[in-house]
Amino acid sequence: MAMAVKAFLLVLSALFPIVDPLSGSPIFLALTSEYSPAMRRVLALRVAVDSFFLLVGSYFVGSHVLAFFGVSLPVVQVGGGLVVIAIGWTMLMQKDDQPGSTPKALQPQDIGRRAFYPLTMPLTVGPGSVSVAITLGANSAHYYGFQPLIVVAALMGIALVALSVFLCNGFADQLARVLGDTTMTVIVRLSSFLLVCIGVQIVWNGLSALLSSVTFRVR
């Protein structure tokens, strides 16, 4: 039981700061500002569910999938970091919404398309989250093997992270009403800039790992 509690706390403490749903909620609200609050909560629920399954897949089978395709974690970091930079830069350069715009009805087929990309991957569960989940899963399999309590503890930790994603995104509009339009605009701009910086850091981490593996022969 003590090992299960330790595994739960490890998963929660490692993934929650990286997923960081609190700072991601203004970005979610900015990307879904044209939708009604009700449909935004439906979209937030879908993002939370997709995030849960993506983290679970990364935790339990991520290392095997990468090994099957011959892809290393540094390569995932470089590719994913470039996507994060592109999204952050687009949000940073976009103009403020024009006043008087009315919410747009979100069709059911749009929910699945927008929920996974870009709202789930890479904005919520990005390369950093995937890398950490894969590392946690590989270490857990190495040290504990297959133990039902450890598996349940890991699932509970990931589920709690996904629940926080839903709460922060689903009620981001209420937070915006409390803070006001000007404050939310400032937060979104700063979050977009930080998103670009995070993407650059992810790319640099991947490039550093790739360059460190290169060996030079002196003749």
N, C-alpha and C. Protein backbone atom coordinates (compact mmCIF):
# COMPACT_ATOMS: atom_id res chain seq x y z
N MET A 1 0.83 -1.21 0.00
CA MET A 1 0.00 0.00 0.00
C MET A 1 0.87 1.27 0.00
N ALA A 2 1.96 1.24 0.74
CA ALA A 2 2.85 2.40 0.79
C ALA A 2 3.45 2.68 -0.58
N MET A 3 3.78 1.61 -1.32
CA MET A 3 4.33 1.80 -2.66
C MET A 3 3.30 2.42 -3.59
N ALA A 4 2.03 2.02 -3.44
CA ALA A 4 0.97 2.57 -4.27
C ALA A 4 0.78 4.07 -4.00
N VAL A 5 0.80 4.45 -2.72
CA VAL A 5 0.67 5.86 -2.37
C VAL A 5 1.86 6.65 -2.93
N LYS A 6 3.04 6.06 -2.84
CA LYS A 6 4.24 6.72 -3.37
C LYS A 6 4.13 6.90 -4.88
N ALA A 7 3.63 5.86 -5.57
CA ALA A 7 3.47 5.94 -7.02
C ALA A 7 2.43 6.99 -7.40
N PHE A 8 1.33 7.07 -6.64
CA PHE A 8 0.29 8.07 -6.89
C PHE A 8 0.84 9.48 -6.74
N LEU A 9 1.54 9.73 -5.65
CA LEU A 9 2.08 11.06 -5.41
C LEU A 9 3.16 11.43 -6.43
N LEU A 10 3.93 10.43 -6.86
CA LEU A 10 4.98 10.68 -7.84
C LEU A 10 4.37 11.09 -9.18
N VAL A 11 3.34 10.36 -9.62
CA VAL A 11 2.69 10.68 -10.89
C VAL A 11 2.04 12.06 -10.82
N LEU A 12 1.33 12.33 -9.73
CA LEU A 12 0.63 13.60 -9.59
C LEU A 12 1.60 14.78 -9.52
N SER A 13 2.64 14.64 -8.71
CA SER A 13 3.59 15.75 -8.53
C SER A 13 4.45 15.97 -9.76
N ALA A 14 4.66 14.93 -10.56
CA ALA A 14 5.49 15.08 -11.76
C ALA A 14 4.70 15.64 -12.94
N LEU A 15 3.44 15.23 -13.10
CA LEU A 15 2.67 15.62 -14.27
C LEU A 15 1.92 16.94 -14.09
N PHE A 16 1.41 17.21 -12.88
CA PHE A 16 0.58 18.40 -12.69
C PHE A 16 1.32 19.70 -13.02
N PRO A 17 2.57 19.90 -12.53
CA PRO A 17 3.25 21.16 -12.86
C PRO A 17 3.54 21.33 -14.35
N ILE A 18 3.72 20.21 -15.07
CA ILE A 18 4.04 20.31 -16.49
C ILE A 18 2.77 20.54 -17.31
N VAL A 19 1.70 19.82 -17.00
CA VAL A 19 0.43 20.07 -17.68
C VAL A 19 -0.07 21.48 -17.35
N ASP A 20 0.04 21.86 -16.08
CA ASP A 20 -0.25 23.23 -15.61
C ASP A 20 -1.57 23.75 -16.17
N PRO A 21 -2.69 23.15 -15.76
CA PRO A 21 -3.99 23.59 -16.30
C PRO A 21 -4.37 25.01 -15.92
N LEU A 22 -3.83 25.53 -14.83
CA LEU A 22 -4.18 26.89 -14.41
C LEU A 22 -3.69 27.93 -15.41
N SER A 23 -2.44 27.82 -15.84
CA SER A 23 -1.92 28.77 -16.81
C SER A 23 -2.42 28.47 -18.22
N GLY A 24 -2.90 27.26 -18.46
CA GLY A 24 -3.40 26.91 -19.79
C GLY A 24 -4.83 27.35 -20.04
N SER A 25 -5.59 27.65 -18.97
CA SER A 25 -6.99 28.02 -19.15
C SER A 25 -7.18 29.32 -19.93
N PRO A 26 -6.36 30.37 -19.73
CA PRO A 26 -6.54 31.56 -20.58
C PRO A 26 -6.31 31.28 -22.07
N ILE A 27 -5.35 30.40 -22.37
CA ILE A 27 -5.10 30.05 -23.76
C ILE A 27 -6.29 29.27 -24.33
N PHE A 28 -6.84 28.35 -23.53
CA PHE A 28 -8.02 27.60 -23.95
C PHE A 28 -9.17 28.56 -24.24
N LEU A 29 -9.37 29.53 -23.36
CA LEU A 29 -10.46 30.49 -23.54
C LEU A 29 -10.24 31.35 -24.79
N ALA A 30 -8.99 31.72 -25.05
CA ALA A 30 -8.71 32.54 -26.22
C ALA A 30 -8.97 31.77 -27.52
N LEU A 31 -8.65 30.49 -27.53
CA LEU A 31 -8.84 29.68 -28.73
C LEU A 31 -10.29 29.26 -28.94
N THR A 32 -11.12 29.38 -27.90
CA THR A 32 -12.53 28.96 -28.00
C THR A 32 -13.47 30.12 -27.70
N SER A 33 -13.00 31.35 -27.87
CA SER A 33 -13.80 32.52 -27.51
C SER A 33 -15.04 32.66 -28.38
N GLU A 34 -15.04 32.08 -29.59
CA GLU A 34 -16.19 32.23 -30.47
C GLU A 34 -17.30 31.23 -30.16
N TYR A 35 -17.08 30.35 -29.21
CA TYR A 35 -18.07 29.33 -28.88
C TYR A 35 -18.88 29.74 -27.66
N SER A 36 -20.07 29.17 -27.53
CA SER A 36 -20.92 29.45 -26.38
C SER A 36 -20.34 28.78 -25.13
N PRO A 37 -20.65 29.29 -23.92
CA PRO A 37 -20.12 28.68 -22.70
C PRO A 37 -20.48 27.20 -22.55
N ALA A 38 -21.70 26.84 -22.96
CA ALA A 38 -22.12 25.45 -22.82
C ALA A 38 -21.27 24.53 -23.70
N MET A 39 -21.06 24.93 -24.96
CA MET A 39 -20.27 24.11 -25.85
C MET A 39 -18.80 24.14 -25.48
N ARG A 40 -18.36 25.23 -24.86
CA ARG A 40 -16.97 25.30 -24.39
C ARG A 40 -16.72 24.28 -23.29
N ARG A 41 -17.72 24.08 -22.41
CA ARG A 41 -17.57 23.07 -21.36
C ARG A 41 -17.58 21.66 -21.95
N VAL A 42 -18.37 21.44 -22.99
CA VAL A 42 -18.34 20.14 -23.68
C VAL A 42 -16.96 19.90 -24.27
N LEU A 43 -16.40 20.94 -24.86
CA LEU A 43 -15.07 20.83 -25.44
C LEU A 43 -14.02 20.61 -24.35
N ALA A 44 -14.19 21.30 -23.20
CA ALA A 44 -13.25 21.13 -22.09
C ALA A 44 -13.29 19.69 -21.56
N LEU A 45 -14.49 19.11 -21.50
CA LEU A 45 -14.60 17.72 -21.05
C LEU A 45 -13.91 16.78 -22.03
N ARG A 46 -14.07 17.04 -23.31
CA ARG A 46 -13.43 16.19 -24.32
C ARG A 46 -11.91 16.32 -24.23
N VAL A 47 -11.42 17.54 -24.01
CA VAL A 47 -9.98 17.73 -23.87
C VAL A 47 -9.45 16.98 -22.65
N ALA A 48 -10.20 17.03 -21.54
CA ALA A 48 -9.79 16.31 -20.34
C ALA A 48 -9.74 14.80 -20.57
N VAL A 49 -10.75 14.27 -21.26
CA VAL A 49 -10.78 12.83 -21.55
C VAL A 49 -9.64 12.45 -22.47
N ASP A 50 -9.43 13.24 -23.52
CA ASP A 50 -8.32 12.95 -24.44
C ASP A 50 -6.97 13.04 -23.72
N SER A 51 -6.85 14.02 -22.82
CA SER A 51 -5.60 14.16 -22.06
C SER A 51 -5.36 12.94 -21.19
N PHE A 52 -6.43 12.44 -20.57
CA PHE A 52 -6.30 11.25 -19.73
C PHE A 52 -5.78 10.06 -20.53
N PHE A 53 -6.40 9.79 -21.66
CA PHE A 53 -6.00 8.62 -22.44
C PHE A 53 -4.62 8.81 -23.07
N LEU A 54 -4.28 10.04 -23.43
CA LEU A 54 -2.96 10.28 -24.00
C LEU A 54 -1.88 10.07 -22.95
N LEU A 55 -2.11 10.53 -21.72
CA LEU A 55 -1.14 10.33 -20.65
C LEU A 55 -1.07 8.86 -20.25
N VAL A 56 -2.21 8.19 -20.21
CA VAL A 56 -2.22 6.75 -19.88
C VAL A 56 -1.45 5.97 -20.94
N GLY A 57 -1.70 6.28 -22.21
CA GLY A 57 -0.98 5.60 -23.28
C GLY A 57 0.52 5.85 -23.22
N SER A 58 0.89 7.11 -22.93
CA SER A 58 2.31 7.43 -22.82
C SER A 58 2.94 6.71 -21.63
N TYR A 59 2.21 6.61 -20.53
CA TYR A 59 2.74 6.00 -19.31
C TYR A 59 2.97 4.50 -19.50
N PHE A 60 1.99 3.81 -20.08
CA PHE A 60 2.06 2.35 -20.12
C PHE A 60 2.71 1.79 -21.38
N VAL A 61 2.52 2.42 -22.53
CA VAL A 61 3.04 1.83 -23.78
C VAL A 61 3.89 2.81 -24.57
N GLY A 62 4.10 4.02 -24.05
CA GLY A 62 4.83 5.03 -24.82
C GLY A 62 6.23 4.60 -25.20
N SER A 63 6.96 4.05 -24.25
CA SER A 63 8.34 3.64 -24.54
C SER A 63 8.39 2.52 -25.57
N HIS A 64 7.40 1.62 -25.54
CA HIS A 64 7.37 0.51 -26.51
C HIS A 64 7.03 1.03 -27.92
N VAL A 65 6.12 2.00 -28.00
CA VAL A 65 5.76 2.56 -29.31
C VAL A 65 6.95 3.28 -29.93
N LEU A 66 7.66 4.08 -29.12
CA LEU A 66 8.82 4.78 -29.65
C LEU A 66 9.91 3.80 -30.08
N ALA A 67 10.10 2.75 -29.30
CA ALA A 67 11.10 1.75 -29.67
C ALA A 67 10.71 1.03 -30.96
N PHE A 68 9.41 0.78 -31.14
CA PHE A 68 8.95 0.08 -32.35
C PHE A 68 9.24 0.90 -33.61
N PHE A 69 9.01 2.21 -33.53
CA PHE A 69 9.24 3.07 -34.69
C PHE A 69 10.66 3.62 -34.74
N GLY A 70 11.47 3.28 -33.75
CA GLY A 70 12.84 3.75 -33.75
C GLY A 70 12.98 5.24 -33.51
N VAL A 71 12.05 5.82 -32.73
CA VAL A 71 12.06 7.25 -32.44
C VAL A 71 12.51 7.45 -31.00
N SER A 72 13.42 8.36 -30.80
CA SER A 72 13.92 8.62 -29.45
C SER A 72 13.17 9.80 -28.83
N LEU A 73 13.25 9.90 -27.51
CA LEU A 73 12.60 11.01 -26.80
C LEU A 73 13.12 12.38 -27.23
N PRO A 74 14.44 12.55 -27.44
CA PRO A 74 14.90 13.86 -27.91
C PRO A 74 14.28 14.29 -29.23
N VAL A 75 14.05 13.34 -30.13
CA VAL A 75 13.42 13.66 -31.41
C VAL A 75 11.98 14.11 -31.18
N VAL A 76 11.27 13.43 -30.27
CA VAL A 76 9.91 13.83 -29.93
C VAL A 76 9.91 15.25 -29.35
N GLN A 77 10.90 15.56 -28.53
CA GLN A 77 10.98 16.89 -27.94
C GLN A 77 11.21 17.96 -29.00
N VAL A 78 12.09 17.68 -29.96
CA VAL A 78 12.37 18.67 -31.01
C VAL A 78 11.13 18.91 -31.87
N GLY A 79 10.51 17.82 -32.33
CA GLY A 79 9.32 17.96 -33.18
C GLY A 79 8.16 18.62 -32.45
N GLY A 80 7.89 18.15 -31.24
CA GLY A 80 6.80 18.74 -30.48
C GLY A 80 7.07 20.17 -30.08
N GLY A 81 8.31 20.49 -29.75
CA GLY A 81 8.66 21.85 -29.40
C GLY A 81 8.44 22.82 -30.54
N LEU A 82 8.73 22.40 -31.77
CA LEU A 82 8.49 23.26 -32.93
C LEU A 82 7.01 23.55 -33.11
N VAL A 83 6.17 22.54 -32.85
CA VAL A 83 4.72 22.75 -32.94
C VAL A 83 4.25 23.74 -31.88
N VAL A 84 4.78 23.60 -30.67
CA VAL A 84 4.41 24.52 -29.58
C VAL A 84 4.83 25.95 -29.92
N ILE A 85 6.01 26.11 -30.48
CA ILE A 85 6.47 27.45 -30.89
C ILE A 85 5.53 28.05 -31.93
N ALA A 86 5.13 27.25 -32.91
CA ALA A 86 4.27 27.74 -33.98
C ALA A 86 2.91 28.20 -33.43
N ILE A 87 2.34 27.41 -32.52
CA ILE A 87 1.04 27.78 -31.95
C ILE A 87 1.16 29.03 -31.08
N GLY A 88 2.18 29.07 -30.24
CA GLY A 88 2.38 30.23 -29.39
C GLY A 88 2.62 31.50 -30.19
N TRP A 89 3.39 31.41 -31.26
CA TRP A 89 3.67 32.57 -32.09
C TRP A 89 2.40 33.07 -32.79
N THR A 90 1.57 32.12 -33.27
CA THR A 90 0.31 32.50 -33.93
C THR A 90 -0.60 33.25 -32.97
N MET A 91 -0.70 32.75 -31.74
CA MET A 91 -1.54 33.41 -30.74
C MET A 91 -0.96 34.76 -30.34
N LEU A 92 0.35 34.87 -30.29
CA LEU A 92 0.98 36.12 -29.89
C LEU A 92 0.77 37.20 -30.94
N MET A 93 0.72 36.83 -32.21
CA MET A 93 0.62 37.80 -33.29
C MET A 93 -0.81 38.09 -33.71
N GLN A 94 -1.79 37.31 -33.25
CA GLN A 94 -3.15 37.53 -33.70
C GLN A 94 -3.73 38.81 -33.10
N LYS A 95 -4.66 39.42 -33.83
CA LYS A 95 -5.28 40.66 -33.38
C LYS A 95 -6.36 40.35 -32.35
N ASP A 96 -6.66 41.36 -31.53
CA ASP A 96 -7.72 41.20 -30.55
C ASP A 96 -9.04 41.01 -31.25
N ASP A 97 -9.94 40.26 -30.58
CA ASP A 97 -11.27 40.02 -31.15
C ASP A 97 -12.01 41.34 -31.32
N GLN A 98 -12.72 41.44 -32.43
CA GLN A 98 -13.51 42.63 -32.68
C GLN A 98 -14.74 42.63 -31.79
N PRO A 99 -15.13 43.77 -31.21
CA PRO A 99 -16.31 43.81 -30.37
C PRO A 99 -17.57 43.53 -31.16
N GLY A 100 -18.54 42.99 -30.47
CA GLY A 100 -19.83 42.71 -31.08
C GLY A 100 -19.90 41.37 -31.75
N SER A 101 -18.87 40.55 -31.66
CA SER A 101 -18.91 39.24 -32.27
C SER A 101 -19.80 38.32 -31.46
N THR A 102 -20.56 37.49 -32.13
CA THR A 102 -21.49 36.58 -31.46
C THR A 102 -20.89 35.19 -31.40
N PRO A 103 -21.22 34.43 -30.34
CA PRO A 103 -20.69 33.08 -30.23
C PRO A 103 -21.14 32.21 -31.39
N LYS A 104 -20.24 31.35 -31.85
CA LYS A 104 -20.54 30.48 -32.97
C LYS A 104 -20.96 29.11 -32.45
N ALA A 105 -21.94 28.52 -33.11
CA ALA A 105 -22.40 27.20 -32.72
C ALA A 105 -21.35 26.17 -33.10
N LEU A 106 -21.02 25.30 -32.16
CA LEU A 106 -20.00 24.28 -32.38
C LEU A 106 -20.67 22.99 -32.76
N GLN A 107 -20.37 22.48 -33.94
CA GLN A 107 -20.96 21.24 -34.41
C GLN A 107 -20.28 20.05 -33.74
N PRO A 108 -21.02 18.92 -33.58
CA PRO A 108 -20.43 17.75 -32.92
C PRO A 108 -19.15 17.26 -33.57
N GLN A 109 -19.07 17.33 -34.91
CA GLN A 109 -17.85 16.86 -35.56
C GLN A 109 -16.67 17.80 -35.31
N ASP A 110 -16.96 19.06 -34.97
CA ASP A 110 -15.88 20.00 -34.68
C ASP A 110 -15.25 19.73 -33.32
N ILE A 111 -16.02 19.15 -32.40
CA ILE A 111 -15.52 18.92 -31.04
C ILE A 111 -14.32 17.99 -31.07
N GLY A 112 -14.47 16.84 -31.75
CA GLY A 112 -13.38 15.89 -31.79
C GLY A 112 -12.17 16.42 -32.52
N ARG A 113 -12.40 17.19 -33.59
CA ARG A 113 -11.28 17.70 -34.38
C ARG A 113 -10.49 18.75 -33.60
N ARG A 114 -11.14 19.68 -32.95
CA ARG A 114 -10.45 20.74 -32.23
C ARG A 114 -9.98 20.28 -30.86
N ALA A 115 -10.69 19.29 -30.28
CA ALA A 115 -10.33 18.87 -28.92
C ALA A 115 -8.95 18.24 -28.89
N PHE A 116 -8.65 17.39 -29.86
CA PHE A 116 -7.36 16.71 -29.81
C PHE A 116 -6.23 17.63 -30.28
N TYR A 117 -6.41 18.26 -31.44
CA TYR A 117 -5.39 19.18 -31.95
C TYR A 117 -6.02 20.52 -32.25
N PRO A 118 -5.54 21.59 -31.67
CA PRO A 118 -4.33 21.68 -30.84
C PRO A 118 -4.59 21.72 -29.34
N LEU A 119 -5.87 21.60 -28.91
CA LEU A 119 -6.17 21.86 -27.49
C LEU A 119 -5.60 20.80 -26.56
N THR A 120 -5.67 19.52 -26.98
CA THR A 120 -5.07 18.46 -26.14
C THR A 120 -3.59 18.31 -26.43
N MET A 121 -3.29 18.08 -27.68
CA MET A 121 -1.90 17.90 -28.11
C MET A 121 -1.56 18.97 -29.12
N PRO A 122 -0.67 19.90 -28.84
CA PRO A 122 0.32 19.87 -27.76
C PRO A 122 0.08 20.87 -26.63
N LEU A 123 -1.07 21.60 -26.64
CA LEU A 123 -1.23 22.68 -25.66
C LEU A 123 -1.43 22.17 -24.24
N THR A 124 -2.19 21.08 -24.07
CA THR A 124 -2.41 20.54 -22.72
C THR A 124 -1.39 19.46 -22.40
N VAL A 125 -1.34 18.44 -23.21
CA VAL A 125 -0.35 17.37 -23.05
C VAL A 125 0.67 17.53 -24.17
N GLY A 126 1.74 18.24 -23.85
CA GLY A 126 2.76 18.51 -24.83
C GLY A 126 3.91 17.52 -24.78
N PRO A 127 4.97 17.81 -25.50
CA PRO A 127 6.14 16.91 -25.50
C PRO A 127 6.73 16.70 -24.11
N GLY A 128 6.73 17.76 -23.29
CA GLY A 128 7.25 17.60 -21.93
C GLY A 128 6.43 16.63 -21.11
N SER A 129 5.11 16.75 -21.18
CA SER A 129 4.23 15.84 -20.44
C SER A 129 4.37 14.41 -20.93
N VAL A 130 4.43 14.25 -22.25
CA VAL A 130 4.59 12.90 -22.82
C VAL A 130 5.92 12.30 -22.39
N SER A 131 6.98 13.09 -22.43
CA SER A 131 8.30 12.58 -22.04
C SER A 131 8.31 12.15 -20.57
N VAL A 132 7.72 12.98 -19.71
CA VAL A 132 7.68 12.63 -18.28
C VAL A 132 6.84 11.39 -18.06
N ALA A 133 5.68 11.29 -18.74
CA ALA A 133 4.83 10.12 -18.56
C ALA A 133 5.53 8.84 -19.04
N ILE A 134 6.22 8.92 -20.16
CA ILE A 134 6.96 7.76 -20.65
C ILE A 134 8.06 7.35 -19.67
N THR A 135 8.76 8.34 -19.13
CA THR A 135 9.84 8.06 -18.18
C THR A 135 9.29 7.44 -16.90
N LEU A 136 8.19 7.99 -16.39
CA LEU A 136 7.57 7.44 -15.18
C LEU A 136 7.12 6.01 -15.40
N GLY A 137 6.51 5.75 -16.56
CA GLY A 137 6.04 4.39 -16.85
C GLY A 137 7.18 3.40 -16.97
N ALA A 138 8.26 3.82 -17.64
CA ALA A 138 9.41 2.93 -17.79
C ALA A 138 10.06 2.63 -16.44
N ASN A 139 10.19 3.65 -15.59
CA ASN A 139 10.78 3.44 -14.27
C ASN A 139 9.90 2.58 -13.39
N SER A 140 8.58 2.78 -13.48
CA SER A 140 7.66 1.97 -12.68
C SER A 140 7.72 0.50 -13.08
N ALA A 141 7.76 0.26 -14.40
CA ALA A 141 7.86 -1.14 -14.86
C ALA A 141 9.18 -1.77 -14.44
N HIS A 142 10.24 -0.96 -14.40
CA HIS A 142 11.56 -1.50 -14.02
C HIS A 142 11.64 -1.84 -12.53
N TYR A 143 11.10 -0.95 -11.70
CA TYR A 143 11.25 -1.13 -10.25
C TYR A 143 10.15 -1.99 -9.63
N TYR A 144 8.91 -1.86 -10.13
CA TYR A 144 7.79 -2.56 -9.50
C TYR A 144 7.26 -3.73 -10.31
N GLY A 145 7.54 -3.74 -11.63
CA GLY A 145 6.94 -4.75 -12.47
C GLY A 145 5.45 -4.47 -12.64
N PHE A 146 4.67 -5.51 -12.88
CA PHE A 146 3.23 -5.34 -13.02
C PHE A 146 2.55 -5.68 -11.70
N GLN A 147 2.14 -4.65 -10.98
CA GLN A 147 1.40 -4.81 -9.72
C GLN A 147 0.09 -4.04 -9.84
N PRO A 148 -1.05 -4.68 -9.61
CA PRO A 148 -2.34 -4.01 -9.78
C PRO A 148 -2.48 -2.73 -8.97
N LEU A 149 -1.98 -2.72 -7.73
CA LEU A 149 -2.09 -1.51 -6.91
C LEU A 149 -1.30 -0.34 -7.50
N ILE A 150 -0.13 -0.64 -8.04
CA ILE A 150 0.69 0.40 -8.65
C ILE A 150 0.00 0.95 -9.90
N VAL A 151 -0.61 0.05 -10.68
CA VAL A 151 -1.33 0.47 -11.89
C VAL A 151 -2.52 1.36 -11.53
N VAL A 152 -3.29 0.95 -10.51
CA VAL A 152 -4.45 1.74 -10.08
C VAL A 152 -4.00 3.10 -9.55
N ALA A 153 -2.91 3.12 -8.80
CA ALA A 153 -2.40 4.38 -8.25
C ALA A 153 -1.99 5.33 -9.36
N ALA A 154 -1.32 4.81 -10.39
CA ALA A 154 -0.92 5.65 -11.52
C ALA A 154 -2.14 6.18 -12.26
N LEU A 155 -3.15 5.34 -12.45
CA LEU A 155 -4.37 5.77 -13.13
C LEU A 155 -5.09 6.85 -12.34
N MET A 156 -5.11 6.72 -11.02
CA MET A 156 -5.75 7.73 -10.18
C MET A 156 -5.02 9.06 -10.26
N GLY A 157 -3.70 9.01 -10.27
CA GLY A 157 -2.92 10.25 -10.39
C GLY A 157 -3.18 10.95 -11.71
N ILE A 158 -3.20 10.18 -12.81
CA ILE A 158 -3.47 10.77 -14.12
C ILE A 158 -4.90 11.29 -14.20
N ALA A 159 -5.86 10.55 -13.60
CA ALA A 159 -7.25 10.98 -13.60
C ALA A 159 -7.43 12.30 -12.87
N LEU A 160 -6.69 12.49 -11.78
CA LEU A 160 -6.78 13.74 -11.03
C LEU A 160 -6.23 14.90 -11.85
N VAL A 161 -5.18 14.66 -12.60
CA VAL A 161 -4.64 15.70 -13.48
C VAL A 161 -5.66 16.05 -14.56
N ALA A 162 -6.30 15.03 -15.14
CA ALA A 162 -7.31 15.28 -16.17
C ALA A 162 -8.51 16.03 -15.60
N LEU A 163 -8.91 15.72 -14.37
CA LEU A 163 -10.01 16.44 -13.73
C LEU A 163 -9.67 17.92 -13.54
N SER A 164 -8.44 18.21 -13.16
CA SER A 164 -8.03 19.61 -13.01
C SER A 164 -8.05 20.34 -14.34
N VAL A 165 -7.74 19.62 -15.43
CA VAL A 165 -7.80 20.22 -16.76
C VAL A 165 -9.23 20.61 -17.09
N PHE A 166 -10.19 19.73 -16.79
CA PHE A 166 -11.59 20.05 -17.07
C PHE A 166 -12.08 21.23 -16.25
N LEU A 167 -11.75 21.25 -14.96
CA LEU A 167 -12.23 22.32 -14.09
C LEU A 167 -11.66 23.68 -14.52
N CYS A 168 -10.37 23.72 -14.83
CA CYS A 168 -9.75 24.99 -15.21
C CYS A 168 -10.24 25.48 -16.57
N ASN A 169 -10.38 24.57 -17.53
CA ASN A 169 -10.83 24.97 -18.86
C ASN A 169 -12.34 25.21 -18.91
N GLY A 170 -13.09 24.35 -18.24
CA GLY A 170 -14.54 24.45 -18.30
C GLY A 170 -15.08 25.72 -17.66
N PHE A 171 -14.38 26.23 -16.67
CA PHE A 171 -14.85 27.44 -15.97
C PHE A 171 -13.91 28.62 -16.21
N ALA A 172 -13.17 28.58 -17.31
CA ALA A 172 -12.27 29.68 -17.64
C ALA A 172 -13.04 30.96 -17.95
N ASP A 173 -14.27 30.84 -18.49
CA ASP A 173 -15.06 32.02 -18.79
C ASP A 173 -15.47 32.78 -17.53
N GLN A 174 -15.74 32.04 -16.45
CA GLN A 174 -16.07 32.70 -15.19
C GLN A 174 -14.86 33.43 -14.63
N LEU A 175 -13.69 32.83 -14.79
CA LEU A 175 -12.47 33.52 -14.37
C LEU A 175 -12.26 34.79 -15.18
N ALA A 176 -12.58 34.74 -16.47
CA ALA A 176 -12.42 35.91 -17.33
C ALA A 176 -13.36 37.03 -16.90
N ARG A 177 -14.58 36.69 -16.49
CA ARG A 177 -15.52 37.71 -16.05
C ARG A 177 -15.04 38.38 -14.76
N VAL A 178 -14.40 37.62 -13.91
CA VAL A 178 -13.89 38.19 -12.67
C VAL A 178 -12.71 39.12 -12.94
N LEU A 179 -11.83 38.71 -13.84
CA LEU A 179 -10.62 39.49 -14.10
C LEU A 179 -10.87 40.67 -15.04
N GLY A 180 -11.81 40.51 -15.97
CA GLY A 180 -12.06 41.58 -16.93
C GLY A 180 -11.33 41.35 -18.24
N ASP A 181 -11.81 42.01 -19.30
CA ASP A 181 -11.25 41.80 -20.65
C ASP A 181 -9.79 42.24 -20.75
N THR A 182 -9.47 43.40 -20.17
CA THR A 182 -8.10 43.90 -20.28
C THR A 182 -7.10 42.98 -19.61
N THR A 183 -7.44 42.54 -18.40
CA THR A 183 -6.55 41.64 -17.67
C THR A 183 -6.38 40.31 -18.40
N MET A 184 -7.48 39.78 -18.95
CA MET A 184 -7.40 38.51 -19.68
C MET A 184 -6.57 38.67 -20.95
N THR A 185 -6.68 39.82 -21.61
CA THR A 185 -5.86 40.04 -22.81
C THR A 185 -4.38 40.04 -22.47
N VAL A 186 -4.04 40.70 -21.36
CA VAL A 186 -2.64 40.72 -20.91
C VAL A 186 -2.17 39.31 -20.57
N ILE A 187 -3.02 38.55 -19.86
CA ILE A 187 -2.66 37.19 -19.47
C ILE A 187 -2.45 36.31 -20.71
N VAL A 188 -3.35 36.45 -21.70
CA VAL A 188 -3.23 35.64 -22.90
C VAL A 188 -1.94 35.97 -23.66
N ARG A 189 -1.61 37.27 -23.76
CA ARG A 189 -0.38 37.66 -24.45
C ARG A 189 0.85 37.12 -23.73
N LEU A 190 0.85 37.27 -22.41
CA LEU A 190 1.99 36.75 -21.65
C LEU A 190 2.08 35.23 -21.76
N SER A 191 0.91 34.57 -21.69
CA SER A 191 0.90 33.10 -21.80
C SER A 191 1.38 32.66 -23.17
N SER A 192 1.01 33.41 -24.21
CA SER A 192 1.47 33.07 -25.56
C SER A 192 2.98 33.21 -25.68
N PHE A 193 3.51 34.30 -25.11
CA PHE A 193 4.96 34.49 -25.13
C PHE A 193 5.67 33.38 -24.36
N LEU A 194 5.11 33.03 -23.18
CA LEU A 194 5.70 31.94 -22.41
C LEU A 194 5.61 30.62 -23.16
N LEU A 195 4.53 30.44 -23.93
CA LEU A 195 4.38 29.22 -24.72
C LEU A 195 5.48 29.13 -25.76
N VAL A 196 5.81 30.25 -26.40
CA VAL A 196 6.92 30.26 -27.35
C VAL A 196 8.23 29.92 -26.65
N CYS A 197 8.44 30.52 -25.46
CA CYS A 197 9.67 30.25 -24.71
C CYS A 197 9.75 28.78 -24.29
N ILE A 198 8.61 28.23 -23.86
CA ILE A 198 8.59 26.81 -23.47
C ILE A 198 8.92 25.93 -24.67
N GLY A 199 8.36 26.29 -25.84
CA GLY A 199 8.68 25.52 -27.04
C GLY A 199 10.15 25.56 -27.39
N VAL A 200 10.76 26.75 -27.25
CA VAL A 200 12.19 26.88 -27.52
C VAL A 200 13.00 26.04 -26.53
N GLN A 201 12.58 26.05 -25.26
CA GLN A 201 13.28 25.25 -24.25
C GLN A 201 13.17 23.76 -24.54
N ILE A 202 11.98 23.33 -24.98
CA ILE A 202 11.79 21.91 -25.31
C ILE A 202 12.68 21.52 -26.49
N VAL A 203 12.71 22.38 -27.50
CA VAL A 203 13.57 22.10 -28.66
C VAL A 203 15.03 22.04 -28.24
N TRP A 204 15.44 22.98 -27.40
CA TRP A 204 16.84 23.01 -26.95
C TRP A 204 17.18 21.77 -26.15
N ASN A 205 16.26 21.33 -25.29
CA ASN A 205 16.51 20.10 -24.52
C ASN A 205 16.71 18.90 -25.44
N GLY A 206 15.86 18.82 -26.47
CA GLY A 206 16.00 17.71 -27.42
C GLY A 206 17.28 17.80 -28.21
N LEU A 207 17.62 19.02 -28.68
CA LEU A 207 18.85 19.19 -29.45
C LEU A 207 20.09 18.91 -28.60
N SER A 208 20.04 19.33 -27.34
CA SER A 208 21.19 19.08 -26.45
C SER A 208 21.41 17.59 -26.27
N ALA A 209 20.31 16.85 -26.08
CA ALA A 209 20.44 15.40 -25.92
C ALA A 209 20.94 14.74 -27.20
N LEU A 210 20.47 15.24 -28.35
CA LEU A 210 20.94 14.67 -29.62
C LEU A 210 22.40 14.98 -29.87
N LEU A 211 22.81 16.23 -29.59
CA LEU A 211 24.20 16.61 -29.82
C LEU A 211 25.16 15.91 -28.86
N SER A 212 24.69 15.65 -27.64
CA SER A 212 25.56 14.95 -26.67
C SER A 212 25.82 13.51 -27.07
N SER A 213 24.94 12.96 -27.90
CA SER A 213 25.12 11.57 -28.34
C SER A 213 26.03 11.45 -29.55
N VAL A 214 26.40 12.60 -30.14
CA VAL A 214 27.26 12.59 -31.31
C VAL A 214 28.71 12.50 -30.86
N THR A 215 29.42 11.61 -31.47
CA THR A 215 30.84 11.43 -31.16
C THR A 215 31.68 11.84 -32.37
N PHE A 216 32.74 12.55 -32.10
CA PHE A 216 33.64 13.01 -33.16
C PHE A 216 34.95 12.25 -33.08
N ARG A 217 35.37 11.77 -34.22
CA ARG A 217 36.63 11.03 -34.30
C ARG A 217 37.74 11.95 -34.79
N VAL A 218 38.82 11.98 -34.06
CA VAL A 218 39.95 12.81 -34.43
C VAL A 218 41.00 11.91 -35.09
N ARG A 219 41.36 12.24 -36.31
CA ARG A 219 42.36 11.43 -37.02
C ARG A 219 43.75 12.06 -36.88
